[in-house]
Amino acid sequence: MVARGLLTFNTTPSIAATGITAGPVEKKSPFKEGFDKIYDDERCGLKTNEHAHAKMIEDACMIALSKVDATPSDADVLLIGDLVNQMTPSNFSATTLGIPYLGMFSACATSVSSLLMAAVLTEMGMSTCAIAGAASQHNAVERQFRYPVEYGAQKPETAQWTVTAAGMAVVTPYQKGFPSIERATIGSPVDLGMTDPLNMGAAMAPAAADTLARHLSGHQTVASDYDCIITGDLGKTGFELYKTLAGNQGIDIGENFRDAGVEFYGEDPLFFAGASGAGCSAALFFSTIYTKMMAGDYKRVLLIATGALLSPMSFQQGDTIPCIAHAVELTMK
């Protein structure tokens, strides 16, 4: 069923396995125990940051596949994306893996848009093993969207730290004992005229609140129906704004509201307003949240990943920042 971006999956595709890789700074995360592989070198011993970016994606995909005793030749489709121009790290990793590939781009919301698309293909009977996910690499992304790290540019408190991580999920037809994708909401772009790339949380918050409200009303649920409603990478500034906007729409904001950007580095002030990047939500959603569902701590979860749909060119030309948020509802049956 589809009505204005609302999807219900009658076959409830499952997330059978996940794979998480992360950089050395990510050892500071309180969730590091849930990461499958942490590199000692930001560049993974390779020549460039972009090569390391691709390496993280490849390793995360292989780790996820290994958990279901599969190889790349067993996968029907690869649905991944990143933040680098033309998604070259994803393109190069896809070339190495040799899996039929659709590059996905929803900026930092790619972790959920790719998961959503994997569920669609599985629901339609067109895939029995899809890999979905997203990644980011701090140095590669920072020098593209802001300044090279060597420049030492000072940042305001609203800035966020791009996570070096890749998070991948293997989506299959329904399997008992694994989190299943029951419903989803495709986000509508929201642009309220913000132009500051160092205040992404505030720019993305309205899109997150819009998608949350559309999901709850469209699927006839309330916030208290979920053990956890977790957004991607709003950070401290954006998360507070998002909760205010949602509250203004009559949504009951409770302790089940979380944000990956706020929590990823344990609210360490060295990371300003928190974490960001396509790998932020992917790593936390597919590690800690997934593990809690597998353990039975969470029975129903709403993942809402947020993305700022700008480019270096649009920013340089003074354009505003359109934003998007996609939602996927997971259940344990």
Protein backbone atom coordinates (compact mmCIF):
# COMPACT_ATOMS: atom_id res chain seq x y z
CA MET A 1 0.00 0.00 0.00
CA VAL A 2 1.31 3.43 -0.93
CA ALA A 3 -0.37 6.72 0.00
CA ARG A 4 1.67 9.91 -0.13
CA GLY A 5 4.90 8.18 0.78
CA LEU A 6 3.43 5.75 3.32
CA LEU A 7 4.47 2.12 2.85
CA THR A 8 3.28 -1.04 4.58
CA PHE A 9 5.21 -4.26 4.01
CA ASN A 10 2.83 -7.21 4.18
CA THR A 11 5.67 -9.76 3.99
CA THR A 12 7.74 -7.92 6.65
CA PRO A 13 11.26 -8.41 5.23
CA SER A 14 13.90 -9.12 7.88
CA ILE A 15 17.32 -7.72 8.69
CA ALA A 16 19.21 -10.99 8.97
CA ALA A 17 22.63 -9.51 9.75
CA THR A 18 24.61 -6.29 9.97
CA GLY A 19 28.23 -5.23 9.58
CA ILE A 20 29.86 -2.14 11.11
CA THR A 21 33.33 -0.74 10.46
CA ALA A 22 34.72 2.42 12.05
CA GLY A 23 37.79 4.65 12.24
CA PRO A 24 40.20 5.19 15.13
CA VAL A 25 38.45 8.30 16.52
CA GLU A 26 35.30 6.21 16.84
CA LYS A 27 36.99 4.33 19.67
CA LYS A 28 35.73 7.29 21.71
CA SER A 29 32.15 6.19 21.09
CA PRO A 30 30.36 4.50 24.01
CA PHE A 31 28.92 2.16 21.37
CA LYS A 32 32.28 0.92 20.11
CA GLU A 33 31.68 -2.60 21.47
CA GLY A 34 28.95 -2.99 18.88
CA PHE A 35 31.28 -2.21 15.97
CA ASP A 36 32.64 -5.26 14.16
CA LYS A 37 35.93 -3.73 13.04
CA ILE A 38 37.78 -0.59 14.15
CA TYR A 39 40.80 0.55 12.15
CA ASP A 40 43.92 1.95 13.81
CA ASP A 41 44.51 4.29 10.88
CA GLU A 42 42.03 6.78 9.43
CA ARG A 43 43.18 5.80 5.94
CA CYS A 44 43.17 2.05 6.65
CA GLY A 45 46.80 1.95 5.52
CA LEU A 46 45.85 3.15 2.04
CA LYS A 47 46.98 6.15 -0.01
CA THR A 48 43.94 8.42 0.28
CA ASN A 49 40.97 9.08 2.53
CA GLU A 50 38.66 8.14 -0.32
CA HIS A 51 40.35 4.77 -0.77
CA ALA A 52 39.88 4.17 2.95
CA HIS A 53 36.25 5.16 2.59
CA ALA A 54 35.73 2.46 -0.05
CA LYS A 55 37.64 -0.07 2.05
CA MET A 56 35.34 0.50 5.03
CA ILE A 57 32.30 -0.13 2.84
CA GLU A 58 33.76 -3.32 1.36
CA ASP A 59 34.70 -4.69 4.77
CA ALA A 60 31.31 -3.87 6.31
CA CYS A 61 29.52 -5.61 3.43
CA MET A 62 31.72 -8.69 3.73
CA ILE A 63 31.25 -8.84 7.50
CA ALA A 64 27.46 -8.63 7.16
CA LEU A 65 27.42 -11.33 4.48
CA SER A 66 29.69 -13.61 6.53
CA LYS A 67 27.14 -13.58 9.35
CA VAL A 68 24.61 -15.28 7.07
CA ASP A 69 27.22 -17.59 5.56
CA ALA A 70 27.01 -15.77 2.24
CA THR A 71 29.42 -14.27 -0.27
CA PRO A 72 28.95 -11.38 -2.72
CA SER A 73 27.81 -13.85 -5.38
CA ASP A 74 24.80 -14.68 -3.16
CA ALA A 75 23.60 -11.07 -2.99
CA ASP A 76 20.97 -9.91 -5.46
CA VAL A 77 21.51 -6.18 -5.11
CA LEU A 78 23.77 -3.65 -3.39
CA LEU A 79 22.04 -0.45 -2.23
CA ILE A 80 24.58 1.90 -0.66
CA GLY A 81 25.71 5.50 -0.69
CA ASP A 82 28.01 8.11 0.81
CA LEU A 83 28.62 11.89 0.78
CA VAL A 84 31.57 12.25 -1.60
CA ASN A 85 30.99 13.73 -5.07
CA GLN A 86 29.27 11.17 -7.34
CA MET A 87 29.57 8.68 -4.44
CA THR A 88 32.90 7.44 -5.76
CA PRO A 89 33.79 5.42 -2.61
CA SER A 90 30.53 3.48 -2.98
CA ASN A 91 31.13 3.11 -6.72
CA PHE A 92 34.63 1.70 -6.26
CA SER A 93 33.55 -0.65 -3.47
CA ALA A 94 30.67 -1.88 -5.64
CA THR A 95 33.16 -2.56 -8.44
CA THR A 96 35.26 -4.68 -6.10
CA LEU A 97 32.29 -6.56 -4.64
CA GLY A 98 30.79 -7.31 -8.06
CA ILE A 99 27.16 -7.14 -6.87
CA PRO A 100 24.39 -5.57 -9.03
CA TYR A 101 24.43 -2.03 -7.71
CA LEU A 102 22.14 0.95 -7.26
CA GLY A 103 23.88 3.98 -5.79
CA MET A 104 21.65 5.62 -3.18
CA PHE A 105 21.86 9.25 -2.13
CA SER A 106 19.80 10.90 0.58
CA ALA A 107 22.82 12.55 2.21
CA CYS A 108 22.94 11.48 5.87
CA ALA A 109 19.49 9.87 5.49
CA THR A 110 20.91 7.22 3.15
CA SER A 111 21.05 4.52 5.83
CA VAL A 112 17.25 4.45 5.95
CA SER A 113 16.44 5.23 2.32
CA SER A 114 18.62 2.29 1.24
CA LEU A 115 17.00 0.04 3.86
CA LEU A 116 13.58 1.14 2.67
CA MET A 117 14.42 0.35 -0.96
CA ALA A 118 15.82 -3.06 0.00
CA ALA A 119 12.52 -3.81 1.74
CA VAL A 120 10.58 -2.75 -1.38
CA LEU A 121 12.57 -5.09 -3.63
CA THR A 122 12.22 -7.93 -1.13
CA GLU A 123 8.48 -7.33 -0.74
CA MET A 124 8.07 -7.50 -4.52
CA GLY A 125 9.89 -10.83 -4.66
CA MET A 126 12.76 -9.36 -6.65
CA SER A 127 15.44 -9.98 -4.02
CA THR A 128 16.16 -12.64 -1.42
CA CYS A 129 19.43 -11.09 -0.27
CA ALA A 130 19.94 -7.33 -0.48
CA ILE A 131 22.70 -5.30 1.14
CA ALA A 132 21.66 -1.82 2.28
CA GLY A 133 23.66 0.83 4.08
CA ALA A 134 25.71 3.99 4.09
CA ALA A 135 29.13 5.32 5.06
CA SER A 136 31.15 8.46 5.68
CA GLN A 137 34.81 9.24 6.25
CA HIS A 138 35.67 12.33 8.28
CA ASN A 139 38.56 13.79 6.33
CA ALA A 140 37.07 13.06 2.90
CA VAL A 141 33.76 14.69 3.77
CA GLU A 142 35.15 17.65 5.72
CA ARG A 143 37.42 18.83 2.94
CA GLN A 144 34.57 18.59 0.46
CA PHE A 145 31.81 20.38 2.34
CA ARG A 146 33.75 22.66 4.66
CA TYR A 147 37.54 23.00 4.95
CA PRO A 148 40.52 20.62 4.76
CA VAL A 149 41.31 19.45 8.27
CA GLU A 150 44.87 20.77 7.86
CA TYR A 151 43.43 24.29 7.60
CA GLY A 152 42.51 24.24 11.27
CA ALA A 153 39.33 26.29 10.78
CA GLN A 154 37.52 27.23 13.97
CA LYS A 155 33.97 25.92 14.30
CA PRO A 156 30.93 27.14 16.22
CA GLU A 157 29.12 25.16 18.90
CA THR A 158 26.44 24.20 16.38
CA ALA A 159 28.96 22.30 14.22
CA GLN A 160 29.08 18.50 14.21
CA TRP A 161 31.84 15.95 13.67
CA THR A 162 31.59 13.72 10.61
CA VAL A 163 31.77 10.09 11.69
CA THR A 164 34.21 7.68 10.02
CA ALA A 165 32.11 4.54 9.79
CA ALA A 166 30.15 2.24 7.50
CA GLY A 167 27.00 0.37 8.46
CA MET A 168 25.49 -2.37 6.29
CA ALA A 169 22.44 -4.61 6.68
CA VAL A 170 21.48 -7.83 4.92
CA VAL A 171 17.76 -7.75 4.07
CA THR A 172 15.99 -11.05 3.35
CA PRO A 173 12.43 -12.36 3.23
CA TYR A 174 10.89 -12.73 6.70
CA GLN A 175 12.88 -14.81 9.16
CA LYS A 176 11.60 -15.48 12.66
CA GLY A 177 13.81 -14.10 15.40
CA PHE A 178 15.15 -11.12 13.44
CA PRO A 179 13.98 -7.49 13.29
CA SER A 180 11.45 -7.08 10.48
CA ILE A 181 10.62 -4.04 8.40
CA GLU A 182 6.89 -3.48 8.86
CA ARG A 183 6.23 0.08 7.71
CA ALA A 184 8.02 3.09 6.29
CA THR A 185 7.54 6.71 5.34
CA ILE A 186 9.31 8.35 2.42
CA GLY A 187 10.26 11.86 3.45
CA SER A 188 9.17 15.06 1.75
CA PRO A 189 11.89 17.69 1.21
CA VAL A 190 11.71 20.65 3.58
CA ASP A 191 13.56 23.94 2.95
CA LEU A 192 13.08 26.73 5.46
CA GLY A 193 15.78 28.93 3.99
CA MET A 194 18.77 28.01 6.15
CA THR A 195 22.19 28.45 4.54
CA ASP A 196 24.74 27.65 7.27
CA PRO A 197 26.57 24.33 6.62
CA LEU A 198 27.90 24.49 10.18
CA ASN A 199 24.40 24.28 11.64
CA MET A 200 23.05 21.19 9.89
CA GLY A 201 21.07 19.98 12.90
CA ALA A 202 18.82 23.04 12.87
CA ALA A 203 18.39 22.78 9.10
CA MET A 204 17.34 19.11 9.28
CA ALA A 205 15.10 19.28 12.36
CA PRO A 206 11.96 20.46 10.53
CA ALA A 207 12.23 17.58 8.04
CA ALA A 208 12.58 15.09 10.91
CA ALA A 209 9.53 16.52 12.68
CA ASP A 210 7.53 16.45 9.44
CA THR A 211 8.35 12.81 8.72
CA LEU A 212 7.63 11.79 12.31
CA ALA A 213 4.21 13.46 12.22
CA ARG A 214 3.39 11.96 8.81
CA HIS A 215 4.43 8.48 9.94
CA LEU A 216 2.43 8.56 13.16
CA SER A 217 -0.73 9.99 11.62
CA GLY A 218 -0.48 8.04 8.36
CA HIS A 219 0.08 4.69 10.04
CA GLN A 220 -2.29 5.53 12.93
CA THR A 221 0.22 5.10 15.71
CA VAL A 222 1.38 7.28 18.60
CA ALA A 223 4.86 7.93 19.93
CA SER A 224 4.32 5.76 23.00
CA ASP A 225 3.78 2.71 20.77
CA TYR A 226 7.54 2.57 20.21
CA ASP A 227 10.27 1.46 22.57
CA CYS A 228 12.59 3.82 20.73
CA ILE A 229 12.19 6.64 18.21
CA ILE A 230 15.70 7.49 17.10
CA THR A 231 16.77 10.17 14.65
CA GLY A 232 19.99 10.07 12.67
CA ASP A 233 22.31 12.95 13.31
CA LEU A 234 20.50 16.07 14.48
CA GLY A 235 23.03 16.67 17.24
CA LYS A 236 22.33 18.69 20.36
CA THR A 237 21.03 21.80 18.60
CA GLY A 238 18.87 20.02 16.06
CA PHE A 239 17.52 17.42 18.49
CA GLU A 240 16.13 20.02 20.87
CA LEU A 241 14.56 21.93 17.98
CA TYR A 242 13.08 18.73 16.56
CA LYS A 243 11.46 17.81 19.87
CA THR A 244 10.01 21.30 20.16
CA LEU A 245 8.59 21.17 16.63
CA ALA A 246 7.14 17.70 17.21
CA GLY A 247 5.65 18.78 20.53
CA ASN A 248 4.02 21.74 18.83
CA GLN A 249 2.18 19.22 16.63
CA GLY A 250 0.75 17.47 19.66
CA ILE A 251 3.25 14.59 19.70
CA ASP A 252 4.07 13.36 23.20
CA ILE A 253 7.84 13.59 23.62
CA GLY A 254 9.05 10.95 26.05
CA GLU A 255 12.23 9.19 27.14
CA ASN A 256 11.96 6.88 24.12
CA PHE A 257 13.21 9.73 21.90
CA ARG A 258 16.90 9.41 21.05
CA ASP A 259 19.33 10.87 18.52
CA ALA A 260 22.41 9.14 17.11
CA GLY A 261 24.23 12.44 16.64
CA VAL A 262 23.80 13.41 20.28
CA GLU A 263 24.88 10.02 21.61
CA PHE A 264 27.51 8.75 19.17
CA TYR A 265 30.50 10.31 20.96
CA GLY A 266 28.94 10.28 24.41
CA GLU A 267 28.16 14.01 24.36
CA ASP A 268 31.90 14.77 24.48
CA PRO A 269 32.22 18.59 24.04
CA LEU A 270 35.27 18.06 21.81
CA PHE A 271 32.79 17.02 19.12
CA PHE A 272 30.79 20.26 19.37
CA ALA A 273 27.05 19.57 18.88
CA GLY A 274 27.70 15.87 18.29
CA ALA A 275 28.16 13.51 15.38
CA SER A 276 27.00 13.62 11.76
CA GLY A 277 27.66 11.92 8.45
CA ALA A 278 25.95 9.09 6.60
CA GLY A 279 27.92 6.62 8.71
CA CYS A 280 26.59 8.04 11.97
CA SER A 281 23.05 6.70 11.81
CA ALA A 282 24.12 3.61 9.84
CA ALA A 283 26.63 2.57 12.50
CA LEU A 284 24.37 3.20 15.50
CA PHE A 285 21.14 1.86 13.95
CA PHE A 286 22.81 -1.35 12.75
CA SER A 287 24.79 -1.97 15.93
CA THR A 288 23.27 -0.88 19.23
CA ILE A 289 19.64 -0.54 18.12
CA TYR A 290 19.79 -3.81 16.17
CA THR A 291 21.42 -5.61 19.09
CA LYS A 292 18.76 -4.36 21.51
CA MET A 293 16.07 -5.70 19.22
CA MET A 294 17.81 -9.06 18.89
CA ALA A 295 18.06 -9.25 22.69
CA GLY A 296 14.37 -8.45 23.12
CA ASP A 297 14.99 -5.12 24.87
CA TYR A 298 13.21 -3.31 22.04
CA LYS A 299 10.12 -4.78 20.36
CA ARG A 300 9.19 -1.84 18.12
CA VAL A 301 11.55 0.86 16.88
CA LEU A 302 11.18 3.82 14.54
CA LEU A 303 14.36 4.78 12.69
CA ILE A 304 14.33 8.30 11.23
CA ALA A 305 17.49 9.25 9.35
CA THR A 306 17.99 12.90 8.39
CA GLY A 307 19.90 14.41 5.49
CA ALA A 308 20.90 17.85 4.19
CA LEU A 309 20.63 17.85 0.41
CA LEU A 310 23.26 20.46 -0.36
CA SER A 311 26.44 20.31 -2.43
CA PRO A 312 29.65 22.31 -2.34
CA MET A 313 28.44 24.11 -5.47
CA SER A 314 25.01 25.00 -4.11
CA PHE A 315 26.56 26.31 -0.89
CA GLN A 316 29.12 28.41 -2.76
CA GLN A 317 26.34 29.91 -4.87
CA GLY A 318 24.46 30.96 -1.75
CA ASP A 319 21.60 28.51 -2.12
CA THR A 320 19.51 27.34 0.82
CA ILE A 321 19.71 23.81 2.24
CA PRO A 322 16.78 21.52 1.42
CA CYS A 323 16.54 18.63 3.88
CA ILE A 324 14.96 15.20 3.98
CA ALA A 325 14.10 12.55 6.58
CA HIS A 326 13.05 8.97 5.85
CA ALA A 327 11.53 6.58 8.38
CA VAL A 328 11.51 2.79 8.73
CA GLU A 329 9.59 0.95 11.43
CA LEU A 330 11.14 -2.26 12.77
CA THR A 331 9.37 -4.90 14.84
CA MET A 332 10.27 -8.17 16.53
CA LYS A 333 7.60 -10.82 15.96
